[in-house]
PDB file of N, CA and C in Angstrom:
ATOM      1  N   MET A   1     106.656-116.222 249.047  1.00  0.00           N
ATOM      2  CA  MET A   1     106.156-116.475 247.713  1.00  0.00           C
ATOM      3  C   MET A   1     106.150-115.176 246.923  1.00  0.00           C
ATOM      4  N   SER A   2     107.125-114.993 246.097  1.00  0.00           N
ATOM      5  CA  SER A   2     107.201-113.759 245.353  1.00  0.00           C
ATOM      6  C   SER A   2     106.717-113.916 243.921  1.00  0.00           C
ATOM      7  N   GLU A   3     106.616-115.122 243.432  1.00  0.00           N
ATOM      8  CA  GLU A   3     106.226-115.343 242.047  1.00  0.00           C
ATOM      9  C   GLU A   3     104.923-116.131 241.995  1.00  0.00           C
ATOM     10  N   LEU A   4     103.994-115.650 241.186  1.00  0.00           N
ATOM     11  CA  LEU A   4     102.716-116.334 241.031  1.00  0.00           C
ATOM     12  C   LEU A   4     102.697-117.088 239.715  1.00  0.00           C
ATOM     13  N   THR A   5     102.106-118.252 239.733  1.00  0.00           N
ATOM     14  CA  THR A   5     101.930-119.050 238.537  1.00  0.00           C
ATOM     15  C   THR A   5     100.446-119.327 238.369  1.00  0.00           C
ATOM     16  N   HIS A   6      99.927-119.032 237.224  1.00  0.00           N
ATOM     17  CA  HIS A   6      98.510-119.266 236.952  1.00  0.00           C
ATOM     18  C   HIS A   6      98.363-120.565 236.169  1.00  0.00           C
ATOM     19  N   LEU A   7      97.491-121.427 236.658  1.00  0.00           N
ATOM     20  CA  LEU A   7      97.241-122.717 236.021  1.00  0.00           C
ATOM     21  C   LEU A   7      95.771-122.849 235.693  1.00  0.00           C
ATOM     22  N   GLU A   8      95.510-123.503 234.603  1.00  0.00           N
ATOM     23  CA  GLU A   8      94.143-123.873 234.295  1.00  0.00           C
ATOM     24  C   GLU A   8      94.035-125.371 234.521  1.00  0.00           C
ATOM     25  N   LEU A   9      93.184-125.755 235.444  1.00  0.00           N
ATOM     26  CA  LEU A   9      93.049-127.153 235.814  1.00  0.00           C
ATOM     27  C   LEU A   9      91.648-127.636 235.498  1.00  0.00           C
ATOM     28  N   SER A  10      91.559-128.862 235.033  1.00  0.00           N
ATOM     29  CA  SER A  10      90.248-129.472 234.877  1.00  0.00           C
ATOM     30  C   SER A  10      89.748-129.849 236.270  1.00  0.00           C
ATOM     31  N   ASP A  11      88.482-130.184 236.366  1.00  0.00           N
ATOM     32  CA  ASP A  11      87.936-130.593 237.663  1.00  0.00           C
ATOM     33  C   ASP A  11      88.677-131.818 238.193  1.00  0.00           C
ATOM     34  N   ARG A  12      89.003-132.734 237.307  1.00  0.00           N
ATOM     35  CA  ARG A  12      89.717-133.956 237.700  1.00  0.00           C
ATOM     36  C   ARG A  12      91.114-133.623 238.222  1.00  0.00           C
ATOM     37  N   GLN A  13      91.822-132.737 237.536  1.00  0.00           N
ATOM     38  CA  GLN A  13      93.160-132.345 237.971  1.00  0.00           C
ATOM     39  C   GLN A  13      93.107-131.635 239.326  1.00  0.00           C
ATOM     40  N   ARG A  14      92.118-130.779 239.510  1.00  0.00           N
ATOM     41  CA  ARG A  14      91.965-130.070 240.780  1.00  0.00           C
ATOM     42  C   ARG A  14      91.700-131.050 241.910  1.00  0.00           C
ATOM     43  N   GLU A  15      90.842-132.032 241.674  1.00  0.00           N
ATOM     44  CA  GLU A  15      90.547-133.036 242.693  1.00  0.00           C
ATOM     45  C   GLU A  15      91.785-133.852 243.038  1.00  0.00           C
ATOM     46  N   LEU A  16      92.568-134.220 242.027  1.00  0.00           N
ATOM     47  CA  LEU A  16      93.807-134.969 242.292  1.00  0.00           C
ATOM     48  C   LEU A  16      94.784-134.139 243.109  1.00  0.00           C
ATOM     49  N   LEU A  17      94.900-132.873 242.772  1.00  0.00           N
ATOM     50  CA  LEU A  17      95.797-131.987 243.511  1.00  0.00           C
ATOM     51  C   LEU A  17      95.327-131.803 244.952  1.00  0.00           C
ATOM     52  N   LEU A  18      94.031-131.624 245.143  1.00  0.00           N
ATOM     53  CA  LEU A  18      93.495-131.501 246.497  1.00  0.00           C
ATOM     54  C   LEU A  18      93.722-132.777 247.304  1.00  0.00           C
ATOM     55  N   ARG A  19      93.523-133.918 246.671  1.00  0.00           N
ATOM     56  CA  ARG A  19      93.751-135.194 247.361  1.00  0.00           C
ATOM     57  C   ARG A  19      95.209-135.305 247.796  1.00  0.00           C
ATOM     58  N   GLY A  20      96.116-134.924 246.912  1.00  0.00           N
ATOM     59  CA  GLY A  20      97.540-134.961 247.249  1.00  0.00           C
ATOM     60  C   GLY A  20      97.881-134.013 248.380  1.00  0.00           C
ATOM     61  N   LEU A  21      97.320-132.818 248.345  1.00  0.00           N
ATOM     62  CA  LEU A  21      97.570-131.849 249.422  1.00  0.00           C
ATOM     63  C   LEU A  21      97.041-132.359 250.751  1.00  0.00           C
ATOM     64  N   ARG A  22      95.880-132.988 250.733  1.00  0.00           N
ATOM     65  CA  ARG A  22      95.315-133.543 251.971  1.00  0.00           C
ATOM     66  C   ARG A  22      96.203-134.664 252.511  1.00  0.00           C
ATOM     67  N   TYR A  23      96.735-135.475 251.608  1.00  0.00           N
ATOM     68  CA  TYR A  23      97.640-136.549 252.020  1.00  0.00           C
ATOM     69  C   TYR A  23      98.901-135.971 252.659  1.00  0.00           C
ATOM     70  N   VAL A  24      99.483-134.980 252.025  1.00  0.00           N
ATOM     71  CA  VAL A  24     100.697-134.356 252.561  1.00  0.00           C
ATOM     72  C   VAL A  24     100.405-133.719 253.919  1.00  0.00           C
ATOM     73  N   ARG A  25      99.258-133.043 254.023  1.00  0.00           N
ATOM     74  CA  ARG A  25      98.887-132.412 255.290  1.00  0.00           C
ATOM     75  C   ARG A  25      98.754-133.458 256.387  1.00  0.00           C
ATOM     76  N   SER A  26      98.047-134.549 256.094  1.00  0.00           N
ATOM     77  CA  SER A  26      97.877-135.609 257.092  1.00  0.00           C
ATOM     78  C   SER A  26      99.212-136.219 257.484  1.00  0.00           C
ATOM     79  N   SER A  27     100.045-136.459 256.492  1.00  0.00           N
ATOM     80  CA  SER A  27     101.362-137.029 256.761  1.00  0.00           C
ATOM     81  C   SER A  27     102.180-136.113 257.655  1.00  0.00           C
ATOM     82  N   ARG A  28     102.162-134.839 257.355  1.00  0.00           N
ATOM     83  CA  ARG A  28     102.952-133.862 258.127  1.00  0.00           C
ATOM     84  C   ARG A  28     102.402-133.722 259.549  1.00  0.00           C
ATOM     85  N   MET A  29     101.076-133.784 259.697  1.00  0.00           N
ATOM     86  CA  MET A  29     100.474-133.662 261.022  1.00  0.00           C
ATOM     87  C   MET A  29     100.803-134.874 261.893  1.00  0.00           C
ATOM     88  N   LEU A  30     100.914-136.044 261.281  1.00  0.00           N
ATOM     89  CA  LEU A  30     101.147-137.272 262.035  1.00  0.00           C
ATOM     90  C   LEU A  30     102.623-137.613 262.198  1.00  0.00           C
ATOM     91  N   GLU A  31     103.488-136.816 261.611  1.00  0.00           N
ATOM     92  CA  GLU A  31     104.916-137.079 261.673  1.00  0.00           C
ATOM     93  C   GLU A  31     105.411-137.061 263.118  1.00  0.00           C
ATOM     94  N   ILE A  32     106.216-138.051 263.452  1.00  0.00           N
ATOM     95  CA  ILE A  32     106.782-138.136 264.803  1.00  0.00           C
ATOM     96  C   ILE A  32     107.936-137.151 264.908  1.00  0.00           C
ATOM     97  N   ARG A  33     107.914-136.365 265.955  1.00  0.00           N
ATOM     98  CA  ARG A  33     108.955-135.354 266.156  1.00  0.00           C
ATOM     99  C   ARG A  33     109.734-135.666 267.428  1.00  0.00           C
ATOM    100  N   ASP A  34     111.044-135.671 267.303  1.00  0.00           N
ATOM    101  CA  ASP A  34     111.906-135.890 268.474  1.00  0.00           C
ATOM    102  C   ASP A  34     112.172-134.586 269.214  1.00  0.00           C
ATOM    103  N   THR A  35     112.334-133.513 268.459  1.00  0.00           N
ATOM    104  CA  THR A  35     112.602-132.210 269.066  1.00  0.00           C
ATOM    105  C   THR A  35     111.493-131.233 268.686  1.00  0.00           C
ATOM    106  N   PRO A  36     110.820-130.676 269.659  1.00  0.00           N
ATOM    107  CA  PRO A  36     109.669-129.811 269.373  1.00  0.00           C
ATOM    108  C   PRO A  36     110.013-128.356 269.074  1.00  0.00           C
ATOM    109  N   ASP A  37     111.262-127.979 269.017  1.00  0.00           N
ATOM    110  CA  ASP A  37     111.632-126.574 268.883  1.00  0.00           C
ATOM    111  C   ASP A  37     111.471-126.026 267.462  1.00  0.00           C
ATOM    112  N   ALA A  38     112.515-125.955 266.691  1.00  0.00           N
ATOM    113  CA  ALA A  38     112.495-125.337 265.361  1.00  0.00           C
ATOM    114  C   ALA A  38     111.619-126.116 264.383  1.00  0.00           C
ATOM    115  N   SER A  39     111.618-127.440 264.483  1.00  0.00           N
ATOM    116  CA  SER A  39     110.831-128.230 263.548  1.00  0.00           C
ATOM    117  C   SER A  39     109.331-128.004 263.743  1.00  0.00           C
ATOM    118  N   ALA A  40     108.907-127.688 264.953  1.00  0.00           N
ATOM    119  CA  ALA A  40     107.494-127.411 265.203  1.00  0.00           C
ATOM    120  C   ALA A  40     107.050-126.151 264.484  1.00  0.00           C
ATOM    121  N   GLU A  41     107.881-125.135 264.495  1.00  0.00           N
ATOM    122  CA  GLU A  41     107.545-123.894 263.787  1.00  0.00           C
ATOM    123  C   GLU A  41     107.499-124.137 262.283  1.00  0.00           C
ATOM    124  N   GLU A  42     108.465-124.879 261.777  1.00  0.00           N
ATOM    125  CA  GLU A  42     108.498-125.200 260.344  1.00  0.00           C
ATOM    126  C   GLU A  42     107.256-125.997 259.948  1.00  0.00           C
ATOM    127  N   ARG A  43     106.894-126.965 260.775  1.00  0.00           N
ATOM    128  CA  ARG A  43     105.708-127.787 260.533  1.00  0.00           C
ATOM    129  C   ARG A  43     104.454-126.934 260.530  1.00  0.00           C
ATOM    130  N   THR A  44     104.345-126.028 261.484  1.00  0.00           N
ATOM    131  CA  THR A  44     103.190-125.138 261.557  1.00  0.00           C
ATOM    132  C   THR A  44     103.089-124.264 260.309  1.00  0.00           C
ATOM    133  N   ASN A  45     104.216-123.749 259.854  1.00  0.00           N
ATOM    134  CA  ASN A  45     104.231-122.919 258.643  1.00  0.00           C
ATOM    135  C   ASN A  45     103.826-123.726 257.408  1.00  0.00           C
ATOM    136  N   GLU A  46     104.344-124.950 257.300  1.00  0.00           N
ATOM    137  CA  GLU A  46     103.978-125.794 256.163  1.00  0.00           C
ATOM    138  C   GLU A  46     102.497-126.116 256.167  1.00  0.00           C
ATOM    139  N   LEU A  47     101.956-126.427 257.332  1.00  0.00           N
ATOM    140  CA  LEU A  47     100.530-126.732 257.422  1.00  0.00           C
ATOM    141  C   LEU A  47      99.681-125.519 257.056  1.00  0.00           C
ATOM    142  N   ALA A  48     100.116-124.336 257.443  1.00  0.00           N
ATOM    143  CA  ALA A  48      99.395-123.114 257.078  1.00  0.00           C
ATOM    144  C   ALA A  48      99.427-122.896 255.566  1.00  0.00           C
ATOM    145  N   GLU A  49     100.575-123.156 254.943  1.00  0.00           N
ATOM    146  CA  GLU A  49     100.681-123.020 253.487  1.00  0.00           C
ATOM    147  C   GLU A  49      99.765-124.015 252.777  1.00  0.00           C
ATOM    148  N   ILE A  50      99.716-125.240 253.278  1.00  0.00           N
ATOM    149  CA  ILE A  50      98.848-126.254 252.678  1.00  0.00           C
ATOM    150  C   ILE A  50      97.391-125.845 252.815  1.00  0.00           C
ATOM    151  N   ARG A  51      97.001-125.363 254.004  1.00  0.00           N
ATOM    152  CA  ARG A  51      95.621-124.902 254.198  1.00  0.00           C
ATOM    153  C   ARG A  51      95.285-123.786 253.226  1.00  0.00           C
ATOM    154  N   HIS A  52      96.234-122.873 253.021  1.00  0.00           N
ATOM    155  CA  HIS A  52      96.028-121.758 252.105  1.00  0.00           C
ATOM    156  C   HIS A  52      95.834-122.261 250.663  1.00  0.00           C
ATOM    157  N   LEU A  53      96.667-123.203 250.243  1.00  0.00           N
ATOM    158  CA  LEU A  53      96.535-123.762 248.895  1.00  0.00           C
ATOM    159  C   LEU A  53      95.196-124.469 248.703  1.00  0.00           C
ATOM    160  N   VAL A  54      94.798-125.252 249.685  1.00  0.00           N
ATOM    161  CA  VAL A  54      93.517-125.952 249.601  1.00  0.00           C
ATOM    162  C   VAL A  54      92.379-124.940 249.515  1.00  0.00           C
ATOM    163  N   ALA A  55      92.434-123.900 250.326  1.00  0.00           N
ATOM    164  CA  ALA A  55      91.394-122.874 250.297  1.00  0.00           C
ATOM    165  C   ALA A  55      91.339-122.180 248.938  1.00  0.00           C
ATOM    166  N   MET A  56      92.515-121.904 248.356  1.00  0.00           N
ATOM    167  CA  MET A  56      92.552-121.265 247.044  1.00  0.00           C
ATOM    168  C   MET A  56      91.912-122.160 245.984  1.00  0.00           C
ATOM    169  N   LEU A  57      92.227-123.443 246.018  1.00  0.00           N
ATOM    170  CA  LEU A  57      91.654-124.372 245.045  1.00  0.00           C
ATOM    171  C   LEU A  57      90.157-124.533 245.242  1.00  0.00           C
ATOM    172  N   ASP A  58      89.714-124.608 246.490  1.00  0.00           N
ATOM    173  CA  ASP A  58      88.283-124.715 246.771  1.00  0.00           C
ATOM    174  C   ASP A  58      87.549-123.450 246.343  1.00  0.00           C
ATOM    175  N   GLN A  59      88.141-122.301 246.594  1.00  0.00           N
ATOM    176  CA  GLN A  59      87.536-121.022 246.218  1.00  0.00           C
ATOM    177  C   GLN A  59      87.423-120.926 244.693  1.00  0.00           C
ATOM    178  N   LYS A  60      88.459-121.332 243.987  1.00  0.00           N
ATOM    179  CA  LYS A  60      88.476-121.305 242.532  1.00  0.00           C
ATOM    180  C   LYS A  60      87.384-122.219 241.972  1.00  0.00           C
ATOM    181  N   ALA A  61      87.198-123.374 242.591  1.00  0.00           N
ATOM    182  CA  ALA A  61      86.174-124.313 242.136  1.00  0.00           C
ATOM    183  C   ALA A  61      84.780-123.732 242.354  1.00  0.00           C
ATOM    184  N   GLY A  62      84.594-123.050 243.474  1.00  0.00           N
ATOM    185  CA  GLY A  62      83.308-122.411 243.747  1.00  0.00           C
ATOM    186  C   GLY A  62      83.008-121.310 242.767  1.00  0.00           C
ATOM    187  N   ALA A  63      84.011-120.531 242.406  1.00  0.00           N
ATOM    188  CA  ALA A  63      83.822-119.440 241.446  1.00  0.00           C
ATOM    189  C   ALA A  63      83.529-119.999 240.059  1.00  0.00           C
ATOM    190  N   THR A  64      84.177-121.096 239.690  1.00  0.00           N
ATOM    191  CA  THR A  64      83.948-121.716 238.380  1.00  0.00           C
ATOM    192  C   THR A  64      82.548-122.283 238.315  1.00  0.00           C
ATOM    193  N   ALA A  65      82.091-122.908 239.400  1.00  0.00           N
ATOM    194  CA  ALA A  65      80.751-123.485 239.421  1.00  0.00           C
ATOM    195  C   ALA A  65      79.690-122.390 239.340  1.00  0.00           C
ATOM    196  N   ALA A  66      79.938-121.253 239.962  1.00  0.00           N
ATOM    197  CA  ALA A  66      78.978-120.149 239.936  1.00  0.00           C
ATOM    198  C   ALA A  66      78.853-119.558 238.532  1.00  0.00           C
ATOM    199  N   VAL A  67      79.967-119.533 237.801  1.00  0.00           N
ATOM    200  CA  VAL A  67      79.953-118.987 236.442  1.00  0.00           C
ATOM    201  C   VAL A  67      79.298-119.960 235.473  1.00  0.00           C
ATOM    202  N   GLY A  68      79.602-121.242 235.647  1.00  0.00           N
ATOM    203  CA  GLY A  68      79.127-122.288 234.731  1.00  0.00           C
ATOM    204  C   GLY A  68      77.730-122.607 234.953  1.00  0.00           C
TER     205      GLY A  68
END
């Protein structure tokens, strides 16, 4: 990730985005894998990225609530 994009999200938009990320994470975790080699590493990396995004959104919401 070399480029950062800053977004201003309403609480509703943030919740929708978090819900979508949770859905994608669950889907990826439950995906049936025939070969555990390279796809397992890719899956692990994707899940880590999703966790990071969720944490960033949760952290941003906490900071906004503390200010407001």
